[in-house]
Amino acid sequence: MVLGLAVSRPIVVGVAVIVLILLLLGVYYFYVRAPTAPTTTPTPTTSPPLVKRAEQIIVGVTDKVTDLDPANAYDFFTWEVLSNVMEGLVKYEPGTLNIIPGLAERWEVSGDGRVWTFYLRSNLKFADGTPLTARDVVRSIERVMKINGDPAWLVTEFVDKVEAKDDRTVVFYLKNPVGYFLAVLATPPYFPVHPSYKPDAVDSDQTAGGAGPYRIARFIRDVEIILEENPYYYGPKPETKRVVIRFYRDATGLRLALERGEIDIAWRTLLPQDVEVFRKTPGYKVIEVPGTFIRYVVLNTKMPPFDNKVVRQAIAAVLDRSDIINRAIFGSGTPLYSLIPIGMMGHLDVFKDRYGDKNIELARNLLRQAGYSETNKLKIELWYTPTHYGDTEIYIATVIKEQLEATGLISVELKSAEWATYVQFIREGRLGIYLLGWYPDYLDPDNYMYPFLHSKANKWAGSGYANTEMDRILEEAQITVDMSKREKLYEQAQKILAEDVPYIPLFQGKLYIVVREGVTGIKPSPTMLFFYSTVYKEVKA
């Protein structure tokens, strides 16, 4: 036998026992003692709720439509509607002051700045599919000039003539070079209207519209207007197919409609205190609209006793703007002492420099100079419109009444009329002293001076104001290229304004949009116009 391979039997048995023990220990360790992985119940994964775009958004306003006709419409809200159902050769990019191509894809300007040539996009159509050509643009603008309604000056004061060279080329020949002509061109009087509009008369309830992103599906005056996506619009489709605008009698009705979920958006105008409540309430969002809208008093210089400049000066002296802002509109404004807004080129506090605030002694002296006394008081009717500028309007009128009567020489009776009637009274020159507001056509000092103070442009305001020196200054300012010289001209004009007092500036206001949860896409614009095509609402699928 070979040495080392021989093993005794007891040893073999012992080794076998040891191996078996080790095997049993291994089994015990791995299958009995080994820690098992903790048993966990999978956390159920909750998928985010499915959402979709609503096909309709409802906007509530206390405003009213005047004329669905750009030949005569000259109020902020109607321009907003027209800007959604019509479009001009150029337009504002939503949320900005950038002017971009509209119906025209490009344009050229002559070296002297007096000839502007626009080239239309191909295959343009009105909202019913009728082809839109350069001749429709010319027809519509000449129609504005012929009807000569309130906004006609935006054409007649700038344009000598307009012609169609062919189906896609429109040429404007200006009376003088105007550096901001594109801003003027972006206003509704330049929008082409459907051929069904009356050729030489105002067509107030015409719903044919123009060539904007929406078309009018239904219009019930003072109740609602329904806009639907225009299938023939050349540009991007609106984010929401249908926009319903509902008209409410007052701010209380508008607030309740928002709270009850009857509307998605409340716009022009909730009470300032209601805006603050919504700001703090979950489920709503308050959006501040940048802008430069102003409020003021108009005095009819053709109607006694306001045809007396001394009377107008006395009224200017007694007004206390801060008191009006704090008591009537709950602080949502800034005192304004000129028609040109604060921060804009040329602005001067001319009324503050000349009259101050609440200068009752000066007002009394001027009234006595005009022949009035405690026993022979100046009796006036102060007019306002109750909802167009929001429910606070009666508060503004009431505070002004109290301030005027504090002189002891003035007696005031408050009068009101709904917006359409109010505008008609103003056009007819039937009101002597009344409240108005201004939302700019284009953001330039010219738009806060020329339409108010030039004798050929201010018939819409009913002031009857005419001053040949003022006309000369404003005409020169329009064509002056040097900004420093232009600024000096507007400073001269403002000083004459404070002397003649056909208007008394009150305050520069603020605007707010309140929306329900899920509404998005609103792009507040410095123009203060609300472009509906970018807005949409997300709802659960």
Protein backbone atom coordinates (compact mmCIF):
# COMPACT_ATOMS: atom_id res chain seq x y z
CA MET A 1 0.00 0.00 0.00
CA VAL A 2 1.12 3.47 -0.54
CA LEU A 3 2.12 5.51 2.54
CA GLY A 4 -0.55 8.20 3.70
CA LEU A 5 -3.66 6.80 2.02
CA ALA A 6 -4.64 4.32 4.56
CA VAL A 7 -7.28 5.80 7.05
CA SER A 8 -8.88 4.08 9.94
CA ARG A 9 -12.73 3.67 10.02
CA PRO A 10 -13.40 5.77 13.17
CA ILE A 11 -11.74 8.78 11.55
CA VAL A 12 -13.89 8.45 8.45
CA VAL A 13 -17.06 8.33 10.50
CA GLY A 14 -15.98 11.41 12.48
CA VAL A 15 -15.33 13.42 9.32
CA ALA A 16 -18.72 12.45 7.91
CA VAL A 17 -20.45 13.61 11.09
CA ILE A 18 -18.64 16.94 11.00
CA VAL A 19 -19.59 17.53 7.34
CA LEU A 20 -23.24 16.75 8.10
CA ILE A 21 -23.27 19.16 11.02
CA LEU A 22 -21.79 21.89 8.85
CA LEU A 23 -24.40 21.26 6.17
CA LEU A 24 -27.22 21.49 8.73
CA LEU A 25 -25.79 24.69 10.18
CA GLY A 26 -25.64 26.21 6.68
CA VAL A 27 -29.22 25.30 5.98
CA TYR A 28 -30.27 26.72 9.34
CA TYR A 29 -28.39 29.97 8.75
CA PHE A 30 -29.54 30.65 5.24
CA TYR A 31 -33.15 29.52 5.56
CA VAL A 32 -34.01 30.09 9.20
CA ARG A 33 -31.73 32.68 10.82
CA ALA A 34 -30.89 34.81 7.77
CA PRO A 35 -32.77 38.17 7.98
CA THR A 36 -35.50 38.35 5.43
CA ALA A 37 -35.94 41.47 3.36
CA PRO A 38 -38.58 43.69 4.93
CA THR A 39 -41.95 43.20 3.42
CA THR A 40 -43.16 46.56 2.04
CA THR A 41 -46.53 47.43 0.66
CA PRO A 42 -45.97 49.35 -2.55
CA THR A 43 -47.09 52.96 -2.17
CA PRO A 44 -49.87 53.45 -4.65
CA THR A 45 -48.78 55.94 -7.31
CA THR A 46 -51.37 58.62 -7.90
CA SER A 47 -51.35 59.89 -11.44
CA PRO A 48 -51.93 63.59 -11.76
CA PRO A 49 -55.53 64.26 -12.75
CA LEU A 50 -55.97 64.45 -16.46
CA VAL A 51 -56.70 67.96 -17.70
CA LYS A 52 -57.89 69.36 -20.97
CA ARG A 53 -58.50 72.74 -22.53
CA ALA A 54 -62.00 74.11 -22.17
CA GLU A 55 -63.58 75.09 -25.47
CA GLN A 56 -65.21 78.15 -23.93
CA ILE A 57 -64.23 80.97 -21.59
CA ILE A 58 -66.73 83.41 -20.09
CA VAL A 59 -65.71 87.01 -19.43
CA GLY A 60 -67.82 89.32 -17.28
CA VAL A 61 -67.80 93.12 -17.62
CA THR A 62 -69.81 96.08 -16.38
CA ASP A 63 -68.99 97.83 -19.64
CA LYS A 64 -71.18 98.21 -22.71
CA VAL A 65 -70.70 98.14 -26.48
CA THR A 66 -71.49 101.41 -28.27
CA ASP A 67 -71.07 100.88 -32.05
CA LEU A 68 -69.73 97.69 -33.60
CA ASP A 69 -68.47 99.98 -36.33
CA PRO A 70 -64.93 101.40 -36.30
CA ALA A 71 -66.21 104.44 -38.19
CA ASN A 72 -67.92 105.67 -35.01
CA ALA A 73 -66.77 103.56 -32.04
CA TYR A 74 -64.52 105.58 -29.77
CA ASP A 75 -64.57 103.94 -26.36
CA PHE A 76 -62.17 101.55 -24.73
CA PHE A 77 -64.29 98.41 -24.44
CA THR A 78 -65.80 98.56 -27.93
CA TRP A 79 -62.29 99.00 -29.33
CA GLU A 80 -61.32 95.89 -27.39
CA VAL A 81 -64.09 93.86 -29.04
CA LEU A 82 -63.22 95.26 -32.48
CA SER A 83 -59.55 94.41 -31.92
CA ASN A 84 -60.50 90.76 -31.43
CA VAL A 85 -62.86 90.43 -34.42
CA MET A 86 -60.91 92.68 -36.78
CA GLU A 87 -57.29 93.44 -37.54
CA GLY A 88 -55.30 96.17 -39.23
CA LEU A 89 -52.27 96.21 -41.47
CA VAL A 90 -50.14 96.21 -38.32
CA LYS A 91 -50.95 95.25 -34.73
CA TYR A 92 -49.52 95.11 -31.22
CA GLU A 93 -47.85 91.93 -30.09
CA PRO A 94 -49.96 90.78 -27.09
CA GLY A 95 -48.49 91.93 -23.79
CA THR A 96 -46.09 94.44 -25.36
CA LEU A 97 -45.88 97.75 -27.19
CA ASN A 98 -44.11 96.06 -30.09
CA ILE A 99 -45.83 96.73 -33.40
CA ILE A 100 -45.66 93.70 -35.67
CA PRO A 101 -47.06 92.78 -39.10
CA GLY A 102 -50.80 92.16 -39.21
CA LEU A 103 -52.68 91.88 -42.48
CA ALA A 104 -49.62 93.42 -44.12
CA GLU A 105 -46.54 91.24 -44.22
CA ARG A 106 -44.13 94.16 -44.83
CA TRP A 107 -43.97 97.90 -45.58
CA GLU A 108 -41.75 100.67 -46.87
CA VAL A 109 -41.43 104.38 -46.06
CA SER A 110 -40.30 107.07 -48.46
CA GLY A 111 -37.25 109.18 -47.67
CA ASP A 112 -39.36 112.20 -46.69
CA GLY A 113 -41.57 110.08 -44.40
CA ARG A 114 -44.80 111.03 -46.18
CA VAL A 115 -45.47 107.94 -48.33
CA TRP A 116 -46.04 104.58 -46.64
CA THR A 117 -46.49 101.46 -48.79
CA PHE A 118 -47.90 98.24 -47.32
CA TYR A 119 -47.89 94.81 -48.93
CA LEU A 120 -50.72 92.50 -47.85
CA ARG A 121 -50.40 88.80 -47.14
CA SER A 122 -51.71 86.52 -49.87
CA ASN A 123 -55.15 84.91 -49.75
CA LEU A 124 -56.58 87.05 -46.93
CA LYS A 125 -60.26 86.53 -46.18
CA PHE A 126 -62.98 88.04 -44.05
CA ALA A 127 -64.60 85.90 -41.36
CA ASP A 128 -67.20 84.47 -43.78
CA GLY A 129 -64.63 83.52 -46.41
CA THR A 130 -65.06 86.61 -48.63
CA PRO A 131 -61.67 87.57 -50.13
CA LEU A 132 -60.00 90.62 -48.59
CA THR A 133 -57.89 92.80 -50.88
CA ALA A 134 -56.15 96.15 -50.80
CA ARG A 135 -59.32 97.69 -52.21
CA ASP A 136 -61.22 96.63 -49.07
CA VAL A 137 -58.61 98.40 -46.93
CA VAL A 138 -58.99 101.59 -48.98
CA ARG A 139 -62.80 101.33 -49.04
CA SER A 140 -62.94 100.98 -45.25
CA ILE A 141 -60.61 103.91 -44.54
CA GLU A 142 -62.38 106.19 -47.02
CA ARG A 143 -65.66 105.15 -45.37
CA VAL A 144 -64.34 106.39 -42.00
CA MET A 145 -63.38 109.71 -43.59
CA LYS A 146 -66.79 110.05 -45.28
CA ILE A 147 -68.88 109.23 -42.18
CA ASN A 148 -66.65 111.51 -40.08
CA GLY A 149 -67.59 109.96 -36.73
CA ASP A 150 -65.85 110.51 -33.40
CA PRO A 151 -62.58 108.66 -34.24
CA ALA A 152 -62.33 109.97 -37.83
CA TRP A 153 -59.65 112.48 -36.81
CA LEU A 154 -57.21 109.57 -36.43
CA VAL A 155 -57.40 109.28 -40.20
CA THR A 156 -58.28 112.76 -41.46
CA GLU A 157 -55.62 114.59 -39.44
CA PHE A 158 -52.83 112.39 -40.78
CA VAL A 159 -53.84 110.95 -44.17
CA ASP A 160 -54.15 113.06 -47.32
CA LYS A 161 -55.22 110.10 -49.42
CA VAL A 162 -54.97 106.32 -49.59
CA GLU A 163 -55.02 104.13 -52.68
CA ALA A 164 -54.77 100.50 -53.79
CA LYS A 165 -52.06 99.99 -56.39
CA ASP A 166 -53.20 96.40 -56.90
CA ASP A 167 -54.93 93.68 -54.88
CA ARG A 168 -52.08 93.46 -52.39
CA THR A 169 -50.57 96.96 -52.24
CA VAL A 170 -51.91 99.87 -50.16
CA VAL A 171 -50.26 103.30 -50.30
CA PHE A 172 -50.82 106.11 -47.77
CA TYR A 173 -49.93 109.69 -48.64
CA LEU A 174 -49.59 111.62 -45.38
CA LYS A 175 -50.18 115.35 -44.93
CA ASN A 176 -46.96 115.54 -42.91
CA PRO A 177 -44.31 113.04 -41.84
CA VAL A 178 -45.40 111.34 -38.59
CA GLY A 179 -42.85 109.23 -36.76
CA TYR A 180 -45.50 107.29 -34.82
CA PHE A 181 -47.76 106.55 -37.81
CA LEU A 182 -47.56 102.78 -37.24
CA ALA A 183 -49.13 103.28 -33.78
CA VAL A 184 -51.94 105.32 -35.35
CA LEU A 185 -52.36 102.66 -38.05
CA ALA A 186 -52.90 100.00 -35.38
CA THR A 187 -56.17 101.65 -34.25
CA PRO A 188 -59.68 100.44 -35.32
CA PRO A 189 -60.46 103.30 -37.78
CA TYR A 190 -57.87 101.67 -40.06
CA PHE A 191 -59.31 98.14 -39.80
CA PRO A 192 -60.86 96.79 -43.03
CA VAL A 193 -64.54 95.96 -42.53
CA HIS A 194 -66.71 93.47 -44.40
CA PRO A 195 -68.45 94.83 -47.53
CA SER A 196 -71.84 94.35 -45.83
CA TYR A 197 -71.28 97.44 -43.66
CA LYS A 198 -73.37 100.41 -44.79
CA PRO A 199 -71.17 102.40 -47.18
CA ASP A 200 -71.93 105.90 -45.90
CA ALA A 201 -73.72 105.54 -42.54
CA VAL A 202 -72.86 104.19 -39.09
CA ASP A 203 -73.79 100.50 -38.77
CA SER A 204 -73.95 100.16 -34.98
CA ASP A 205 -75.17 96.55 -34.65
CA GLN A 206 -73.37 95.08 -37.65
CA THR A 207 -71.77 91.74 -36.73
CA ALA A 208 -69.98 90.93 -40.00
CA GLY A 209 -66.73 92.21 -38.48
CA GLY A 210 -63.44 92.01 -40.27
CA ALA A 211 -60.48 89.66 -40.39
CA GLY A 212 -59.45 89.04 -36.78
CA PRO A 213 -58.88 85.79 -34.85
CA TYR A 214 -62.56 85.69 -33.82
CA ARG A 215 -65.89 86.37 -35.47
CA ILE A 216 -69.16 87.44 -33.84
CA ALA A 217 -71.57 84.50 -33.52
CA ARG A 218 -74.24 86.36 -31.55
CA PHE A 219 -74.78 89.85 -30.17
CA ILE A 220 -77.58 90.79 -27.78
CA ARG A 221 -77.02 94.40 -26.79
CA ASP A 222 -76.29 94.86 -23.07
CA VAL A 223 -76.74 91.10 -22.47
CA GLU A 224 -73.94 89.17 -24.14
CA ILE A 225 -71.71 88.88 -27.16
CA ILE A 226 -70.40 85.50 -28.30
CA LEU A 227 -67.17 85.21 -30.28
CA GLU A 228 -66.13 82.08 -32.15
CA GLU A 229 -62.86 81.11 -33.76
CA ASN A 230 -62.54 82.59 -37.26
CA PRO A 231 -61.79 79.61 -39.55
CA TYR A 232 -60.37 81.92 -42.23
CA TYR A 233 -57.90 83.79 -40.03
CA TYR A 234 -54.42 83.76 -41.53
CA GLY A 235 -52.62 83.52 -38.18
CA PRO A 236 -52.40 81.00 -35.33
CA LYS A 237 -55.70 79.64 -34.07
CA PRO A 238 -56.93 81.14 -30.79
CA GLU A 239 -56.15 79.11 -27.67
CA THR A 240 -59.89 79.00 -26.88
CA LYS A 241 -62.48 78.38 -29.58
CA ARG A 242 -65.31 80.36 -28.00
CA VAL A 243 -65.36 83.49 -25.84
CA VAL A 244 -68.60 84.62 -24.21
CA ILE A 245 -68.74 88.17 -22.88
CA ARG A 246 -71.56 88.85 -20.44
CA PHE A 247 -72.63 92.33 -19.46
CA TYR A 248 -73.49 93.06 -15.82
CA ARG A 249 -75.39 96.01 -14.45
CA ASP A 250 -72.89 96.79 -11.72
CA ALA A 251 -69.82 95.64 -9.82
CA THR A 252 -71.91 93.73 -7.28
CA GLY A 253 -73.46 91.59 -10.01
CA LEU A 254 -70.01 91.04 -11.54
CA ARG A 255 -68.53 89.96 -8.20
CA LEU A 256 -71.38 87.54 -7.47
CA ALA A 257 -71.07 86.01 -10.95
CA LEU A 258 -67.38 85.32 -10.33
CA GLU A 259 -68.02 83.86 -6.88
CA ARG A 260 -70.77 81.58 -8.19
CA GLY A 261 -68.63 80.30 -11.04
CA GLU A 262 -70.88 81.85 -13.71
CA ILE A 263 -67.87 83.56 -15.28
CA ASP A 264 -64.17 82.69 -15.50
CA ILE A 265 -62.82 86.24 -15.74
CA ALA A 266 -63.98 89.54 -14.21
CA TRP A 267 -62.76 92.53 -16.18
CA ARG A 268 -63.70 96.17 -15.94
CA THR A 269 -64.75 96.79 -13.35
CA LEU A 270 -64.86 95.35 -9.85
CA LEU A 271 -64.84 97.60 -6.81
CA PRO A 272 -61.30 98.14 -5.46
CA GLN A 273 -62.23 96.58 -2.12
CA ASP A 274 -63.57 93.47 -3.88
CA VAL A 275 -60.31 93.14 -5.79
CA GLU A 276 -58.45 93.06 -2.48
CA VAL A 277 -60.77 90.34 -1.14
CA PHE A 278 -60.18 88.17 -4.21
CA ARG A 279 -56.45 88.75 -3.89
CA LYS A 280 -56.55 87.00 -0.48
CA THR A 281 -59.03 84.26 -1.42
CA PRO A 282 -57.75 80.84 -2.59
CA GLY A 283 -58.91 79.84 -6.04
CA TYR A 284 -58.56 83.30 -7.59
CA LYS A 285 -55.77 85.31 -9.13
CA VAL A 286 -55.55 89.09 -9.47
CA ILE A 287 -53.64 90.43 -12.48
CA GLU A 288 -52.64 94.09 -12.56
CA VAL A 289 -52.78 95.66 -16.01
CA PRO A 290 -49.97 98.13 -16.76
CA GLY A 291 -51.16 101.27 -18.39
CA THR A 292 -51.70 104.98 -18.41
CA PHE A 293 -55.42 105.62 -18.34
CA ILE A 294 -56.52 108.92 -16.87
CA ARG A 295 -59.68 110.40 -15.34
CA TYR A 296 -60.75 114.01 -15.68
CA VAL A 297 -63.59 116.53 -15.60
CA VAL A 298 -64.84 118.06 -18.87
CA LEU A 299 -66.24 121.60 -18.97
CA ASN A 300 -68.32 122.65 -21.97
CA THR A 301 -66.77 125.97 -22.94
CA LYS A 302 -69.76 126.77 -25.16
CA MET A 303 -72.40 126.43 -22.42
CA PRO A 304 -73.08 129.01 -19.67
CA PRO A 305 -71.78 129.34 -17.01
CA PHE A 306 -68.77 127.29 -18.17
CA ASP A 307 -68.20 129.62 -21.11
CA ASN A 308 -66.68 131.92 -18.47
CA LYS A 309 -63.03 130.98 -18.01
CA VAL A 310 -63.02 132.38 -14.46
CA VAL A 311 -65.72 129.89 -13.43
CA ARG A 312 -63.70 127.03 -14.89
CA GLN A 313 -60.61 128.22 -13.03
CA ALA A 314 -62.53 128.39 -9.74
CA ILE A 315 -63.65 124.77 -10.10
CA ALA A 316 -60.07 123.73 -10.87
CA ALA A 317 -58.82 125.49 -7.74
CA VAL A 318 -61.21 123.83 -5.30
CA LEU A 319 -60.69 120.15 -6.25
CA ASP A 320 -58.72 117.93 -3.86
CA ARG A 321 -57.41 114.95 -5.81
CA SER A 322 -56.02 112.98 -2.87
CA ASP A 323 -59.37 113.22 -1.10
CA ILE A 324 -61.15 111.92 -4.21
CA ILE A 325 -58.71 109.01 -4.53
CA ASN A 326 -58.84 108.01 -0.85
CA ARG A 327 -62.57 108.34 -0.29
CA ALA A 328 -64.00 107.38 -3.67
CA ILE A 329 -61.67 104.77 -5.17
CA PHE A 330 -60.02 103.46 -2.01
CA GLY A 331 -56.52 104.58 -2.93
CA SER A 332 -56.34 102.90 -6.35
CA GLY A 333 -55.00 105.93 -8.21
CA THR A 334 -52.38 108.68 -8.29
CA PRO A 335 -53.14 112.44 -8.29
CA LEU A 336 -52.77 113.87 -11.80
CA TYR A 337 -52.16 117.55 -12.59
CA SER A 338 -51.95 117.35 -16.38
CA LEU A 339 -53.56 115.42 -19.21
CA ILE A 340 -50.16 113.91 -20.06
CA PRO A 341 -49.61 110.96 -17.67
CA ILE A 342 -46.90 110.89 -15.06
CA GLY A 343 -43.67 109.46 -16.48
CA MET A 344 -44.44 110.32 -20.08
CA MET A 345 -42.31 112.77 -22.04
CA GLY A 346 -43.27 116.40 -21.42
CA HIS A 347 -45.42 115.85 -18.31
CA LEU A 348 -45.73 118.92 -16.06
CA ASP A 349 -47.82 119.36 -12.91
CA VAL A 350 -49.35 122.50 -14.39
CA PHE A 351 -52.61 122.43 -12.41
CA LYS A 352 -50.77 121.95 -9.13
CA ASP A 353 -48.37 124.77 -9.96
CA ARG A 354 -51.22 127.13 -10.82
CA TYR A 355 -54.01 126.15 -8.39
CA GLY A 356 -52.65 123.72 -5.83
CA ASP A 357 -55.08 121.33 -4.13
CA LYS A 358 -58.20 122.39 -2.22
CA ASN A 359 -57.47 126.08 -2.66
CA ILE A 360 -60.88 127.19 -1.41
CA GLU A 361 -59.87 130.80 -0.85
CA LEU A 362 -58.69 131.20 -4.44
CA ALA A 363 -61.89 129.51 -5.67
CA ARG A 364 -64.05 131.92 -3.65
CA ASN A 365 -62.20 134.95 -4.97
CA LEU A 366 -62.62 133.76 -8.55
CA LEU A 367 -66.31 132.99 -8.04
CA ARG A 368 -66.93 136.44 -6.58
CA GLN A 369 -65.06 137.92 -9.52
CA ALA A 370 -67.51 136.04 -11.77
CA GLY A 371 -70.47 137.57 -9.89
CA TYR A 372 -71.44 134.79 -7.48
CA SER A 373 -72.03 135.02 -3.72
CA GLU A 374 -73.63 133.18 -0.79
CA THR A 375 -77.02 134.55 -1.86
CA ASN A 376 -76.39 134.10 -5.58
CA LYS A 377 -74.74 130.71 -5.80
CA LEU A 378 -73.33 129.10 -8.93
CA LYS A 379 -75.81 126.30 -9.68
CA ILE A 380 -74.51 123.39 -11.73
CA GLU A 381 -75.48 119.87 -12.77
CA LEU A 382 -72.54 117.46 -12.45
CA TRP A 383 -73.01 114.43 -14.71
CA TYR A 384 -71.52 110.93 -14.44
CA THR A 385 -72.21 107.52 -15.94
CA PRO A 386 -72.90 104.84 -13.29
CA THR A 387 -71.15 101.68 -14.54
CA HIS A 388 -68.89 102.35 -17.53
CA TYR A 389 -65.97 103.22 -15.26
CA GLY A 390 -67.18 101.02 -12.41
CA ASP A 391 -69.54 101.48 -9.47
CA THR A 392 -67.18 103.93 -7.78
CA GLU A 393 -68.26 106.65 -10.21
CA ILE A 394 -71.07 107.85 -7.97
CA TYR A 395 -68.56 108.12 -5.12
CA ILE A 396 -66.26 110.27 -7.25
CA ALA A 397 -69.16 112.54 -8.23
CA THR A 398 -70.35 112.78 -4.61
CA VAL A 399 -66.91 113.75 -3.28
CA ILE A 400 -66.53 116.41 -6.00
CA LYS A 401 -70.00 117.75 -5.14
CA GLU A 402 -69.00 118.05 -1.47
CA GLN A 403 -65.75 119.79 -2.36
CA LEU A 404 -67.45 122.32 -4.64
CA GLU A 405 -70.19 123.06 -2.12
CA ALA A 406 -67.58 123.60 0.61
CA THR A 407 -66.91 126.97 -1.02
CA GLY A 408 -70.32 128.14 0.14
CA LEU A 409 -70.80 129.66 -3.31
CA ILE A 410 -71.68 126.60 -5.40
CA SER A 411 -74.74 124.37 -5.41
CA VAL A 412 -74.41 121.01 -7.20
CA GLU A 413 -77.04 118.58 -8.43
CA LEU A 414 -75.82 115.14 -9.47
CA LYS A 415 -77.15 113.65 -12.71
CA SER A 416 -76.37 110.33 -14.40
CA ALA A 417 -77.05 108.40 -17.60
CA GLU A 418 -76.06 104.97 -18.86
CA TRP A 419 -73.10 104.94 -21.22
CA ALA A 420 -74.81 104.91 -24.61
CA THR A 421 -77.10 107.79 -23.62
CA TYR A 422 -74.25 109.60 -21.90
CA VAL A 423 -72.14 109.48 -25.07
CA GLN A 424 -75.07 110.74 -27.13
CA PHE A 425 -75.61 113.68 -24.75
CA ILE A 426 -71.91 114.55 -25.02
CA ARG A 427 -71.95 114.37 -28.82
CA GLU A 428 -74.94 116.71 -28.87
CA GLY A 429 -73.28 119.21 -26.51
CA ARG A 430 -76.04 118.86 -23.91
CA LEU A 431 -73.84 118.50 -20.81
CA GLY A 432 -72.04 121.34 -19.05
CA ILE A 433 -69.70 119.58 -16.60
CA TYR A 434 -69.15 115.83 -16.49
CA LEU A 435 -66.73 113.00 -15.76
CA LEU A 436 -64.83 111.06 -18.41
CA GLY A 437 -61.81 108.79 -18.70
CA TRP A 438 -59.20 108.26 -21.40
CA TYR A 439 -57.61 105.02 -22.56
CA PRO A 440 -54.95 105.94 -25.11
CA ASP A 441 -55.19 105.19 -28.81
CA TYR A 442 -51.39 105.14 -28.96
CA LEU A 443 -48.79 105.83 -26.30
CA ASP A 444 -47.38 109.23 -27.16
CA PRO A 445 -47.96 112.69 -25.59
CA ASP A 446 -49.74 113.66 -28.80
CA ASN A 447 -52.58 111.26 -27.95
CA TYR A 448 -53.18 112.95 -24.60
CA MET A 449 -53.18 116.46 -26.05
CA TYR A 450 -54.25 116.62 -29.70
CA PRO A 451 -57.62 114.79 -29.44
CA PHE A 452 -58.56 116.91 -26.41
CA LEU A 453 -57.27 120.33 -27.34
CA HIS A 454 -57.12 120.66 -31.11
CA SER A 455 -60.28 122.33 -32.38
CA LYS A 456 -60.67 119.87 -35.28
CA ALA A 457 -60.23 116.73 -33.20
CA ASN A 458 -62.12 117.20 -29.93
CA LYS A 459 -65.79 117.09 -30.89
CA TRP A 460 -66.05 113.61 -29.29
CA ALA A 461 -65.33 115.17 -25.87
CA GLY A 462 -68.03 117.84 -26.09
CA SER A 463 -65.83 120.56 -24.61
CA GLY A 464 -66.21 122.89 -27.60
CA TYR A 465 -62.68 124.09 -26.91
CA ALA A 466 -60.89 126.09 -29.64
CA ASN A 467 -57.68 128.10 -29.33
CA THR A 468 -55.69 128.97 -32.46
CA GLU A 469 -52.41 129.16 -30.56
CA MET A 470 -53.03 125.72 -29.07
CA ASP A 471 -53.82 124.34 -32.54
CA ARG A 472 -50.56 125.77 -33.90
CA ILE A 473 -48.45 124.30 -31.07
CA LEU A 474 -49.98 120.84 -31.36
CA GLU A 475 -49.63 120.77 -35.13
CA GLU A 476 -45.98 121.76 -34.85
CA ALA A 477 -45.37 119.11 -32.16
CA GLN A 478 -46.73 116.39 -34.45
CA ILE A 479 -44.17 117.01 -37.16
CA THR A 480 -41.19 117.94 -34.96
CA VAL A 481 -38.53 115.24 -34.97
CA ASP A 482 -36.23 116.74 -32.31
CA MET A 483 -37.53 115.28 -29.03
CA SER A 484 -36.27 118.14 -26.85
CA LYS A 485 -38.09 120.68 -29.05
CA ARG A 486 -41.18 118.49 -29.03
CA GLU A 487 -41.09 118.33 -25.26
CA LYS A 488 -40.94 122.12 -24.98
CA LEU A 489 -43.96 122.45 -27.28
CA TYR A 490 -45.99 120.13 -25.06
CA GLU A 491 -44.91 122.12 -22.01
CA GLN A 492 -46.28 125.26 -23.66
CA ALA A 493 -49.53 123.47 -24.50
CA GLN A 494 -50.00 122.25 -20.92
CA LYS A 495 -49.58 125.76 -19.52
CA ILE A 496 -52.31 127.03 -21.88
CA LEU A 497 -54.47 124.09 -20.76
CA ALA A 498 -54.12 125.15 -17.11
CA GLU A 499 -55.03 128.72 -18.07
CA ASP A 500 -58.07 127.88 -20.23
CA VAL A 501 -59.33 124.86 -18.22
CA PRO A 502 -61.56 123.02 -20.72
CA TYR A 503 -60.57 119.87 -18.79
CA ILE A 504 -59.46 119.27 -15.22
CA PRO A 505 -57.25 116.17 -14.73
CA LEU A 506 -58.08 114.17 -11.60
CA PHE A 507 -56.05 110.98 -11.30
CA GLN A 508 -54.14 108.27 -13.09
CA GLY A 509 -55.83 104.95 -12.40
CA LYS A 510 -55.12 101.25 -12.12
CA LEU A 511 -56.88 98.32 -13.81
CA TYR A 512 -57.22 94.72 -12.61
CA ILE A 513 -58.32 91.40 -14.09
CA VAL A 514 -59.52 88.72 -11.62
CA VAL A 515 -59.60 85.12 -12.85
CA ARG A 516 -60.70 81.79 -11.44
CA GLU A 517 -58.26 78.95 -10.88
CA GLY A 518 -57.27 77.22 -14.11
CA VAL A 519 -57.44 80.30 -16.32
CA THR A 520 -54.10 81.16 -17.87
CA GLY A 521 -52.50 82.80 -20.89
CA ILE A 522 -53.59 86.37 -20.10
CA LYS A 523 -50.97 88.83 -21.33
CA PRO A 524 -51.61 92.23 -19.74
CA SER A 525 -50.89 94.88 -22.32
CA PRO A 526 -49.65 98.45 -21.87
CA THR A 527 -52.31 99.32 -24.45
CA MET A 528 -54.82 98.09 -21.82
CA LEU A 529 -56.70 96.13 -24.50
CA PHE A 530 -57.48 92.51 -23.60
CA PHE A 531 -56.58 90.17 -26.46
CA TYR A 532 -58.65 87.02 -25.91
CA SER A 533 -56.84 84.71 -28.35
CA THR A 534 -54.00 83.86 -25.93
CA VAL A 535 -56.25 82.86 -23.02
CA TYR A 536 -57.34 79.34 -22.12
CA LYS A 537 -58.78 77.41 -19.19
CA GLU A 538 -57.66 73.98 -18.01
CA VAL A 539 -60.35 71.67 -16.63
CA LYS A 540 -60.40 68.07 -15.45
CA ALA A 541 -60.87 65.58 -18.24
